Amino acid sequence: MSHTALWKGRHTTAHLHRYLGDIPPAEFEATFYNAQRSDQPWSKSNSPSLQKNQGDSVDVLARGWASWLSTLSCGQWFNSCLTAAGAPERHLVPETIYQAIYVQGRGQLRRDLHQALRTGRARRPRRATTLACGKLTDMVLISQRPAEATDRAIPGHWEGDLIIGAGRSTAIGTLVERSTRYVMLLHLPDGKTSADVRDALIRSLGTLPAQLRRTLTRDQGKEMARHREFSLATDMAVYFCDPHSPWQRGSNENTNGLLRQYFPKGTDLSVHTPDDLAAVAAELNTRPRKTLDWQTPAERLNMLLAQAN
């Protein structure tokens, strides 16, 4: 059975056992479990048992399972198997899977593995430990954001960010409505200063109906230094995520990943016209989404507006 057939069929243990040959899924699960329950103090990846287990894991992935896992989510599959076996306490954490895959080759994925990833990323990026920018004034943190924004029940609550281009000198602003996943892109031809971002936000959000202008959630980037001026112009409250917490803008982060397929990293983003950005936003807004029960963001937004009227 090819991994293409596995994508389209029911991913049962029997299917996987036949596909993996002499490495049954139960043995593969045990590999990760044994790596987690070692009684020895863990230090990086120098445990012989951990190295062996991780080596076994990568061998399995290299045999073609990586493509299937990239479609289904390997953590989801492992944990569902463990729950079915009556051992939910043995659930994996994502870090275990990352270490199993990336430990080989000093953090470099083997070529046959990273080609199976949607991002195509061969190295795991290092996380910054410091933030080299001043603190914004008069910030209201996300912990004080209204509950209606958190549960996505009411439209009009937005998340925003920038995607950065070559030399960190060009950028495109991104906005995602939380309940509908509707996308708007901000044209920033003159740069990404706080004044540029303020004006672009006012142009885009200031023209929306009042029921679609409730809150905006952003990170603490210095481009939002003029957030109070934006709030006065649009009557929208701005809430800021905690430092180094991109998951607090999950819809926006997911959308930024999709946008990178149109605007790759390291390219000059200033070459894109407002019409270019509108065309990309329209393509995303007419794309059916599983989280919307296969409606498009545009359809869901129109439905909610019709109900409100």
Protein backbone atom coordinates (compact mmCIF):
# COMPACT_ATOMS: atom_id res chain seq x y z
CA MET A 1 0.00 0.00 0.00
CA SER A 2 1.41 3.39 -0.95
CA HIS A 3 1.40 6.34 1.45
CA THR A 4 -0.98 8.06 -0.99
CA ALA A 5 -3.50 5.29 -0.35
CA LEU A 6 -3.00 5.72 3.39
CA TRP A 7 -3.84 9.42 3.13
CA LYS A 8 -7.20 8.63 1.51
CA GLY A 9 -8.17 5.57 3.55
CA ARG A 10 -8.76 4.83 7.19
CA HIS A 11 -5.43 4.89 9.01
CA THR A 12 -5.87 1.74 11.10
CA THR A 13 -3.14 -0.08 12.96
CA ALA A 14 -3.45 -2.98 10.53
CA HIS A 15 -2.91 -0.70 7.55
CA LEU A 16 0.15 0.82 9.17
CA HIS A 17 1.56 -2.56 10.17
CA ARG A 18 1.33 -3.81 6.60
CA TYR A 19 2.83 -0.57 5.32
CA LEU A 20 5.74 -0.48 7.77
CA GLY A 21 6.63 -4.14 7.32
CA ASP A 22 8.74 -5.45 10.19
CA ILE A 23 8.31 -2.33 12.37
CA PRO A 24 4.80 -2.45 13.88
CA PRO A 25 3.24 0.82 15.10
CA ALA A 26 3.18 -0.46 18.69
CA GLU A 27 6.97 -0.76 18.62
CA PHE A 28 7.26 2.73 17.19
CA GLU A 29 5.05 4.12 20.00
CA ALA A 30 7.17 2.31 22.59
CA THR A 31 10.27 3.91 21.12
CA PHE A 32 9.05 7.38 22.03
CA TYR A 33 7.58 6.25 25.37
CA ASN A 34 10.85 4.69 26.49
CA ALA A 35 12.68 7.87 25.57
CA GLN A 36 10.38 9.86 27.86
CA ARG A 37 10.37 7.58 30.92
CA SER A 38 14.13 7.20 31.35
CA ASP A 39 15.14 7.41 35.03
CA GLN A 40 18.45 9.05 34.15
CA PRO A 41 18.72 12.85 34.17
CA TRP A 42 18.16 14.10 30.65
CA SER A 43 20.80 16.34 29.14
CA LYS A 44 20.30 17.38 25.53
CA SER A 45 20.48 14.18 23.49
CA ASN A 46 23.42 12.33 25.04
CA SER A 47 21.45 9.45 26.54
CA PRO A 48 22.42 6.22 24.68
CA SER A 49 18.86 4.88 24.98
CA LEU A 50 17.42 8.15 23.73
CA GLN A 51 19.82 8.22 20.79
CA LYS A 52 18.88 4.65 19.88
CA ASN A 53 15.17 5.33 20.16
CA GLN A 54 15.42 8.50 18.13
CA GLY A 55 17.50 6.70 15.53
CA ASP A 56 14.81 4.03 15.21
CA SER A 57 12.17 6.73 14.84
CA VAL A 58 14.00 8.48 12.03
CA ASP A 59 14.56 5.17 10.26
CA VAL A 60 10.83 4.57 10.23
CA LEU A 61 10.11 8.07 8.97
CA ALA A 62 12.71 7.69 6.24
CA ARG A 63 10.91 4.62 4.93
CA GLY A 64 8.08 6.74 3.64
CA TRP A 65 5.96 7.25 6.73
CA ALA A 66 6.96 10.92 6.95
CA SER A 67 4.61 11.90 4.14
CA TRP A 68 1.67 10.23 5.87
CA LEU A 69 2.57 11.76 9.22
CA SER A 70 2.85 15.24 7.74
CA THR A 71 -0.76 14.88 6.58
CA LEU A 72 -2.35 13.33 9.70
CA SER A 73 -0.14 14.74 12.53
CA CYS A 74 2.10 12.19 14.16
CA GLY A 75 1.38 13.38 17.71
CA GLN A 76 -2.36 13.10 17.14
CA TRP A 77 -2.01 9.54 15.84
CA PHE A 78 0.29 8.36 18.65
CA ASN A 79 -1.90 9.79 21.36
CA SER A 80 -5.09 8.36 19.88
CA CYS A 81 -3.45 4.91 19.84
CA LEU A 82 -2.37 5.26 23.47
CA THR A 83 -5.85 6.39 24.52
CA ALA A 84 -7.39 3.39 22.74
CA ALA A 85 -4.92 1.13 24.57
CA GLY A 86 -6.05 2.54 27.93
CA ALA A 87 -2.81 4.39 28.59
CA PRO A 88 -3.54 8.12 28.22
CA GLU A 89 -0.85 8.90 30.79
CA ARG A 90 1.72 7.88 28.18
CA HIS A 91 0.77 10.67 25.80
CA LEU A 92 3.62 12.32 23.96
CA VAL A 93 4.58 15.94 24.16
CA PRO A 94 5.54 17.62 20.84
CA GLU A 95 9.11 18.21 22.04
CA THR A 96 9.76 14.45 22.16
CA ILE A 97 8.80 14.09 18.51
CA TYR A 98 10.83 17.12 17.48
CA GLN A 99 13.93 15.75 19.23
CA ALA A 100 13.46 12.34 17.65
CA ILE A 101 13.41 13.83 14.18
CA TYR A 102 15.89 16.70 14.45
CA VAL A 103 18.56 15.10 16.65
CA GLN A 104 20.00 13.26 13.68
CA GLY A 105 22.68 15.19 11.82
CA ARG A 106 23.09 17.82 14.58
CA GLY A 107 19.70 19.34 14.05
CA GLN A 108 19.64 18.89 10.27
CA LEU A 109 16.84 16.85 8.78
CA ARG A 110 17.86 14.24 6.28
CA ARG A 111 16.93 15.28 2.78
CA ASP A 112 14.30 12.59 2.37
CA LEU A 113 12.52 13.81 5.51
CA HIS A 114 12.33 17.58 5.15
CA GLN A 115 10.95 17.24 1.63
CA ALA A 116 7.85 15.69 3.20
CA LEU A 117 7.19 18.74 5.38
CA ARG A 118 4.72 21.38 4.20
CA THR A 119 7.15 24.17 5.15
CA GLY A 120 10.12 22.42 3.52
CA ARG A 121 12.23 23.61 6.46
CA ALA A 122 15.35 21.50 6.89
CA ARG A 123 16.56 23.09 10.12
CA ARG A 124 14.75 23.81 13.34
CA PRO A 125 15.07 27.57 13.98
CA ARG A 126 16.61 28.76 17.22
CA ARG A 127 14.30 30.69 19.49
CA ALA A 128 15.35 34.20 20.44
CA THR A 129 16.02 34.67 24.14
CA THR A 130 15.92 38.47 24.22
CA LEU A 131 13.76 41.10 22.61
CA ALA A 132 15.76 44.08 21.36
CA CYS A 133 13.06 46.75 21.48
CA GLY A 134 11.63 49.16 23.99
CA LYS A 135 8.43 48.54 25.88
CA LEU A 136 5.26 50.17 24.55
CA THR A 137 3.36 52.58 26.76
CA ASP A 138 -0.28 52.33 27.85
CA MET A 139 -0.59 48.69 26.83
CA VAL A 140 -3.63 46.64 27.80
CA LEU A 141 -2.71 42.94 27.92
CA ILE A 142 -4.68 40.11 26.37
CA SER A 143 -5.74 38.87 29.80
CA GLN A 144 -8.15 41.83 29.92
CA ARG A 145 -9.67 41.18 26.51
CA PRO A 146 -13.46 40.55 26.56
CA ALA A 147 -14.59 36.93 26.78
CA GLU A 148 -16.58 37.31 23.55
CA ALA A 149 -13.29 37.77 21.68
CA THR A 150 -11.83 34.61 23.17
CA ASP A 151 -14.73 32.30 22.30
CA ARG A 152 -15.01 33.61 18.71
CA ALA A 153 -18.81 33.80 18.98
CA ILE A 154 -19.14 37.39 17.76
CA PRO A 155 -17.38 38.82 14.67
CA GLY A 156 -15.34 41.99 14.80
CA HIS A 157 -12.36 40.82 16.84
CA TRP A 158 -9.15 40.90 14.80
CA GLU A 159 -5.58 39.66 15.14
CA GLY A 160 -2.74 41.50 13.41
CA ASP A 161 0.94 41.16 12.59
CA LEU A 162 3.61 41.93 10.00
CA ILE A 163 5.38 39.56 7.63
CA ILE A 164 8.88 40.86 7.00
CA GLY A 165 10.79 40.89 3.71
CA ALA A 166 14.43 41.10 2.62
CA GLY A 167 16.75 42.95 4.96
CA ARG A 168 13.89 43.49 7.38
CA SER A 169 13.21 46.74 5.52
CA THR A 170 9.96 45.79 3.74
CA ALA A 171 6.77 44.37 5.18
CA ILE A 172 3.13 43.51 4.59
CA GLY A 173 0.57 43.92 7.34
CA THR A 174 -1.80 41.03 8.02
CA LEU A 175 -5.20 41.07 9.70
CA VAL A 176 -7.39 38.04 10.47
CA GLU A 177 -10.92 38.18 11.89
CA ARG A 178 -11.10 35.61 14.68
CA SER A 179 -14.56 34.10 14.18
CA THR A 180 -14.56 33.91 10.35
CA ARG A 181 -10.79 33.77 9.56
CA TYR A 182 -11.40 36.57 7.05
CA VAL A 183 -8.07 38.04 5.87
CA MET A 184 -7.08 41.61 5.05
CA LEU A 185 -3.59 42.63 3.88
CA LEU A 186 -2.04 46.05 4.49
CA HIS A 187 0.05 47.71 1.81
CA LEU A 188 3.15 49.34 3.40
CA PRO A 189 5.10 50.84 0.47
CA ASP A 190 6.97 53.43 2.55
CA GLY A 191 8.14 51.20 5.39
CA LYS A 192 6.92 49.74 8.67
CA THR A 193 7.30 52.61 11.10
CA SER A 194 4.64 53.12 13.74
CA ALA A 195 3.12 55.94 11.67
CA ASP A 196 3.01 53.78 8.52
CA VAL A 197 1.33 50.91 10.36
CA ARG A 198 -1.13 53.22 12.15
CA ASP A 199 -2.24 54.81 8.88
CA ALA A 200 -2.59 51.45 7.11
CA LEU A 201 -4.67 50.03 9.96
CA ILE A 202 -6.96 53.06 9.95
CA ARG A 203 -7.44 52.82 6.17
CA SER A 204 -8.33 49.14 6.34
CA LEU A 205 -10.31 48.82 9.57
CA GLY A 206 -11.71 52.32 9.85
CA THR A 207 -14.04 51.80 6.88
CA LEU A 208 -15.67 48.62 8.24
CA PRO A 209 -19.19 48.57 9.75
CA ALA A 210 -19.27 49.16 13.49
CA GLN A 211 -20.14 45.51 14.24
CA LEU A 212 -16.86 44.47 12.62
CA ARG A 213 -14.75 46.96 14.60
CA ARG A 214 -14.53 45.66 18.15
CA THR A 215 -10.95 44.74 19.14
CA LEU A 216 -7.49 44.24 17.66
CA THR A 217 -4.94 41.87 19.22
CA ARG A 218 -1.27 42.43 18.41
CA ASP A 219 2.17 41.48 19.66
CA GLN A 220 4.33 44.06 21.41
CA GLY A 221 6.29 45.12 18.31
CA LYS A 222 7.45 48.73 18.22
CA GLU A 223 5.42 49.33 15.06
CA MET A 224 2.39 49.55 17.39
CA ALA A 225 3.79 52.49 19.36
CA ARG A 226 0.93 54.69 18.08
CA HIS A 227 -1.81 52.26 19.09
CA ARG A 228 -3.72 54.90 21.06
CA GLU A 229 -4.01 57.11 17.97
CA PHE A 230 -5.38 54.13 16.05
CA SER A 231 -7.93 53.43 18.79
CA LEU A 232 -9.12 57.04 18.82
CA ALA A 233 -9.57 57.05 15.03
CA THR A 234 -11.43 53.71 14.81
CA ASP A 235 -13.02 53.25 18.23
CA MET A 236 -11.31 49.86 18.48
CA ALA A 237 -9.58 48.67 21.64
CA VAL A 238 -6.09 47.20 21.16
CA TYR A 239 -4.91 44.29 23.31
CA PHE A 240 -1.33 43.05 23.40
CA CYS A 241 -0.09 39.47 23.71
CA ASP A 242 2.38 38.46 26.37
CA PRO A 243 6.05 38.55 25.25
CA HIS A 244 7.15 35.58 23.12
CA SER A 245 3.60 34.17 22.97
CA PRO A 246 2.61 33.93 19.28
CA TRP A 247 0.05 31.21 20.07
CA GLN A 248 -2.11 33.94 21.61
CA ARG A 249 -2.68 35.08 18.01
CA GLY A 250 -3.10 31.57 16.65
CA SER A 251 -5.33 32.40 13.68
CA ASN A 252 -2.95 35.14 12.56
CA GLU A 253 0.13 32.91 12.89
CA ASN A 254 -1.55 30.18 10.86
CA THR A 255 -2.50 32.68 8.17
CA ASN A 256 1.03 34.08 8.05
CA GLY A 257 2.27 30.58 7.31
CA LEU A 258 -0.14 30.31 4.39
CA LEU A 259 0.88 33.74 3.13
CA ARG A 260 4.53 32.74 2.99
CA GLN A 261 3.65 30.53 0.04
CA TYR A 262 2.81 33.76 -1.82
CA PHE A 263 5.42 36.02 -0.22
CA PRO A 264 8.53 33.89 0.52
CA LYS A 265 10.98 34.90 3.20
CA GLY A 266 13.97 36.89 2.03
CA THR A 267 12.15 38.53 -0.88
CA ASP A 268 11.44 42.22 -1.47
CA LEU A 269 7.82 42.71 -0.40
CA SER A 270 7.66 46.30 -1.63
CA VAL A 271 7.26 45.11 -5.23
CA HIS A 272 3.72 43.91 -4.53
CA THR A 273 0.97 46.38 -5.39
CA PRO A 274 -2.32 46.85 -3.52
CA ASP A 275 -4.01 44.87 -6.29
CA ASP A 276 -1.55 42.00 -5.74
CA LEU A 277 -2.38 41.94 -2.04
CA ALA A 278 -6.11 42.10 -2.71
CA ALA A 279 -5.86 39.14 -5.08
CA VAL A 280 -4.02 37.01 -2.50
CA ALA A 281 -6.49 37.96 0.25
CA ALA A 282 -9.41 37.10 -2.05
CA GLU A 283 -7.90 33.69 -2.75
CA LEU A 284 -7.60 32.91 0.96
CA ASN A 285 -11.08 34.27 1.70
CA THR A 286 -12.66 32.00 -0.91
CA ARG A 287 -10.81 28.89 0.27
CA PRO A 288 -13.03 26.37 2.15
CA ARG A 289 -11.82 25.80 5.70
CA LYS A 290 -12.39 22.72 7.80
CA THR A 291 -12.64 24.83 10.96
CA LEU A 292 -15.60 26.64 9.32
CA ASP A 293 -17.39 23.39 8.40
CA TRP A 294 -16.01 23.79 4.87
CA GLN A 295 -17.46 27.23 4.37
CA THR A 296 -15.17 29.96 3.08
CA PRO A 297 -14.25 32.93 5.28
CA ALA A 298 -16.17 35.22 2.92
CA GLU A 299 -19.30 33.04 3.17
CA ARG A 300 -19.11 32.87 6.96
CA LEU A 301 -18.61 36.64 7.25
CA ASN A 302 -21.59 37.37 4.99
CA MET A 303 -23.74 34.92 6.96
CA LEU A 304 -22.90 36.57 10.30
CA LEU A 305 -23.51 40.04 8.91
CA ALA A 306 -26.90 38.95 7.54
CA GLN A 307 -27.85 37.55 10.94
CA ALA A 308 -26.80 40.78 12.66
CA ASN A 309 -28.95 42.86 10.33
